[in-house]
Amino acid sequence: AGAATTAPAAKPAADVFTAADVGKKVKCKPGVTKFANGAKMLDFVPKATLYIRAVEQGGKILLVSTEKTKKVYTGRVNAADMQRV
C-alpha cells in the first residue's frame, strides 16, 4: 500500500517509422521475402542493409534502397517487415 506502482512499458507491436527515420538503416525481419506490392524480392534483398529513403502511408510503407544517396530504389516494403539496424 504505500509503494507507487507503475505499469510496465507497453511493447509496441512493430517499430513505428516517421519522416525522422529517412536515412536510417533497416533490415528485413527473418522470413520476409516480398515487397509491399507482393512481388518477390531478389535473394540479396532480405540479407542486405537497406536505407530508408521515404516513409509513406503514415509509416506503413517504407521506400528503401541499398544505396544511401543515389536515386536508385530497391522497392517499397511493409514497415512491419523491417527492423532497425
C-alpha atoms as a PDB file:
ATOM      1  CA  ALA A   1       0.000   0.000   0.000  1.00  0.00           C
ATOM      2  CA  GLY A   2       2.459   2.952   0.224  1.00  0.00           C
ATOM      3  CA  ALA A   3       4.535   1.916  -2.821  1.00  0.00           C
ATOM      4  CA  ALA A   4       3.679   3.536  -6.097  1.00  0.00           C
ATOM      5  CA  THR A   5       3.140   1.077  -8.892  1.00  0.00           C
ATOM      6  CA  THR A   6       3.959   1.873 -12.474  1.00  0.00           C
ATOM      7  CA  ALA A   7       2.597  -0.031 -15.400  1.00  0.00           C
ATOM      8  CA  PRO A   8       5.259  -1.843 -17.412  1.00  0.00           C
ATOM      9  CA  ALA A   9       6.187  -0.060 -20.604  1.00  0.00           C
ATOM     10  CA  ALA A  10       3.975  -1.285 -23.409  1.00  0.00           C
ATOM     11  CA  LYS A  11       5.996  -3.108 -26.036  1.00  0.00           C
ATOM     12  CA  PRO A  12       4.936  -1.856 -29.454  1.00  0.00           C
ATOM     13  CA  ALA A  13       3.716  -4.493 -31.871  1.00  0.00           C
ATOM     14  CA  ALA A  14       6.072  -3.090 -34.509  1.00  0.00           C
ATOM     15  CA  ASP A  15       8.538  -0.274 -34.849  1.00  0.00           C
ATOM     16  CA  VAL A  16       6.865   2.977 -35.789  1.00  0.00           C
ATOM     17  CA  PHE A  17       8.658   4.793 -38.571  1.00  0.00           C
ATOM     18  CA  THR A  18       8.356   8.527 -39.250  1.00  0.00           C
ATOM     19  CA  ALA A  19       9.942  11.032 -41.609  1.00  0.00           C
ATOM     20  CA  ALA A  20      12.687  11.419 -38.991  1.00  0.00           C
ATOM     21  CA  ASP A  21      13.837   7.891 -39.906  1.00  0.00           C
ATOM     22  CA  VAL A  22      14.756   8.807 -43.503  1.00  0.00           C
ATOM     23  CA  GLY A  23      18.404   7.878 -43.986  1.00  0.00           C
ATOM     24  CA  LYS A  24      18.403   5.306 -41.175  1.00  0.00           C
ATOM     25  CA  LYS A  25      19.344   1.669 -41.739  1.00  0.00           C
ATOM     26  CA  VAL A  26      16.921  -1.256 -41.592  1.00  0.00           C
ATOM     27  CA  LYS A  27      16.942  -4.956 -42.453  1.00  0.00           C
ATOM     28  CA  CYS A  28      14.195  -7.402 -43.314  1.00  0.00           C
ATOM     29  CA  LYS A  29      12.895  -9.448 -40.416  1.00  0.00           C
ATOM     30  CA  PRO A  30      13.611 -13.193 -40.741  1.00  0.00           C
ATOM     31  CA  GLY A  31      11.383 -14.879 -43.311  1.00  0.00           C
ATOM     32  CA  VAL A  32      10.448 -11.721 -45.234  1.00  0.00           C
ATOM     33  CA  THR A  33      10.751 -12.324 -48.988  1.00  0.00           C
ATOM     34  CA  LYS A  34       8.198  -9.978 -50.593  1.00  0.00           C
ATOM     35  CA  PHE A  35       7.851  -6.278 -51.228  1.00  0.00           C
ATOM     36  CA  ALA A  36       4.741  -4.370 -50.134  1.00  0.00           C
ATOM     37  CA  ASN A  37       3.122  -4.987 -53.545  1.00  0.00           C
ATOM     38  CA  GLY A  38       3.605  -8.764 -53.200  1.00  0.00           C
ATOM     39  CA  ALA A  39       6.496  -9.020 -55.669  1.00  0.00           C
ATOM     40  CA  LYS A  40       9.210 -11.479 -54.661  1.00  0.00           C
ATOM     41  CA  MET A  41      12.478  -9.908 -53.544  1.00  0.00           C
ATOM     42  CA  LEU A  42      15.732 -10.912 -55.220  1.00  0.00           C
ATOM     43  CA  ASP A  43      17.739 -13.184 -52.924  1.00  0.00           C
ATOM     44  CA  PHE A  44      20.143 -10.461 -51.789  1.00  0.00           C
ATOM     45  CA  VAL A  45      17.461  -8.049 -50.552  1.00  0.00           C
ATOM     46  CA  PRO A  46      16.357  -9.858 -47.349  1.00  0.00           C
ATOM     47  CA  LYS A  47      20.030 -10.101 -46.281  1.00  0.00           C
ATOM     48  CA  ALA A  48      21.014  -6.551 -47.236  1.00  0.00           C
ATOM     49  CA  THR A  49      21.248  -3.480 -45.066  1.00  0.00           C
ATOM     50  CA  LEU A  50      18.721  -1.047 -46.530  1.00  0.00           C
ATOM     51  CA  TYR A  51      18.426   2.715 -46.169  1.00  0.00           C
ATOM     52  CA  ILE A  52      15.049   4.363 -45.640  1.00  0.00           C
ATOM     53  CA  ARG A  53      14.578   6.893 -48.427  1.00  0.00           C
ATOM     54  CA  ALA A  54      10.952   7.807 -47.708  1.00  0.00           C
ATOM     55  CA  VAL A  55       8.195   6.957 -45.240  1.00  0.00           C
ATOM     56  CA  GLU A  56       4.776   6.604 -46.857  1.00  0.00           C
ATOM     57  CA  GLN A  57       1.157   5.917 -45.890  1.00  0.00           C
ATOM     58  CA  GLY A  58       1.565   7.185 -42.347  1.00  0.00           C
ATOM     59  CA  GLY A  59       4.552   4.976 -41.639  1.00  0.00           C
ATOM     60  CA  LYS A  60       3.101   1.735 -43.007  1.00  0.00           C
ATOM     61  CA  ILE A  61       5.287   1.642 -46.136  1.00  0.00           C
ATOM     62  CA  LEU A  62       8.999   2.373 -46.420  1.00  0.00           C
ATOM     63  CA  LEU A  63      10.749   3.203 -49.669  1.00  0.00           C
ATOM     64  CA  VAL A  64      14.156   1.584 -49.269  1.00  0.00           C
ATOM     65  CA  SER A  65      17.421   1.365 -51.166  1.00  0.00           C
ATOM     66  CA  THR A  66      20.697  -0.480 -50.838  1.00  0.00           C
ATOM     67  CA  GLU A  67      22.314   2.836 -51.808  1.00  0.00           C
ATOM     68  CA  LYS A  68      22.441   5.609 -49.238  1.00  0.00           C
ATOM     69  CA  THR A  69      22.278   8.531 -51.653  1.00  0.00           C
ATOM     70  CA  LYS A  70      21.835   7.510 -55.295  1.00  0.00           C
ATOM     71  CA  LYS A  71      18.433   7.992 -56.922  1.00  0.00           C
ATOM     72  CA  VAL A  72      18.015   4.225 -57.169  1.00  0.00           C
ATOM     73  CA  TYR A  73      15.402   2.478 -55.079  1.00  0.00           C
ATOM     74  CA  THR A  74      15.251  -1.189 -54.166  1.00  0.00           C
ATOM     75  CA  GLY A  75      11.500  -1.085 -53.522  1.00  0.00           C
ATOM     76  CA  ARG A  76       8.655  -0.401 -51.150  1.00  0.00           C
ATOM     77  CA  VAL A  77       8.394  -2.640 -48.095  1.00  0.00           C
ATOM     78  CA  ASN A  78       5.872  -3.029 -45.310  1.00  0.00           C
ATOM     79  CA  ALA A  79       7.243  -1.226 -42.253  1.00  0.00           C
ATOM     80  CA  ALA A  80       6.098  -4.150 -40.096  1.00  0.00           C
ATOM     81  CA  ASP A  81       8.506  -6.406 -42.051  1.00  0.00           C
ATOM     82  CA  MET A  82      11.545  -4.286 -41.160  1.00  0.00           C
ATOM     83  CA  GLN A  83      13.752  -3.994 -38.125  1.00  0.00           C
ATOM     84  CA  ARG A  84      16.151  -1.222 -37.254  1.00  0.00           C
ATOM     85  CA  VAL A  85      19.890  -1.867 -37.588  1.00  0.00           C
END
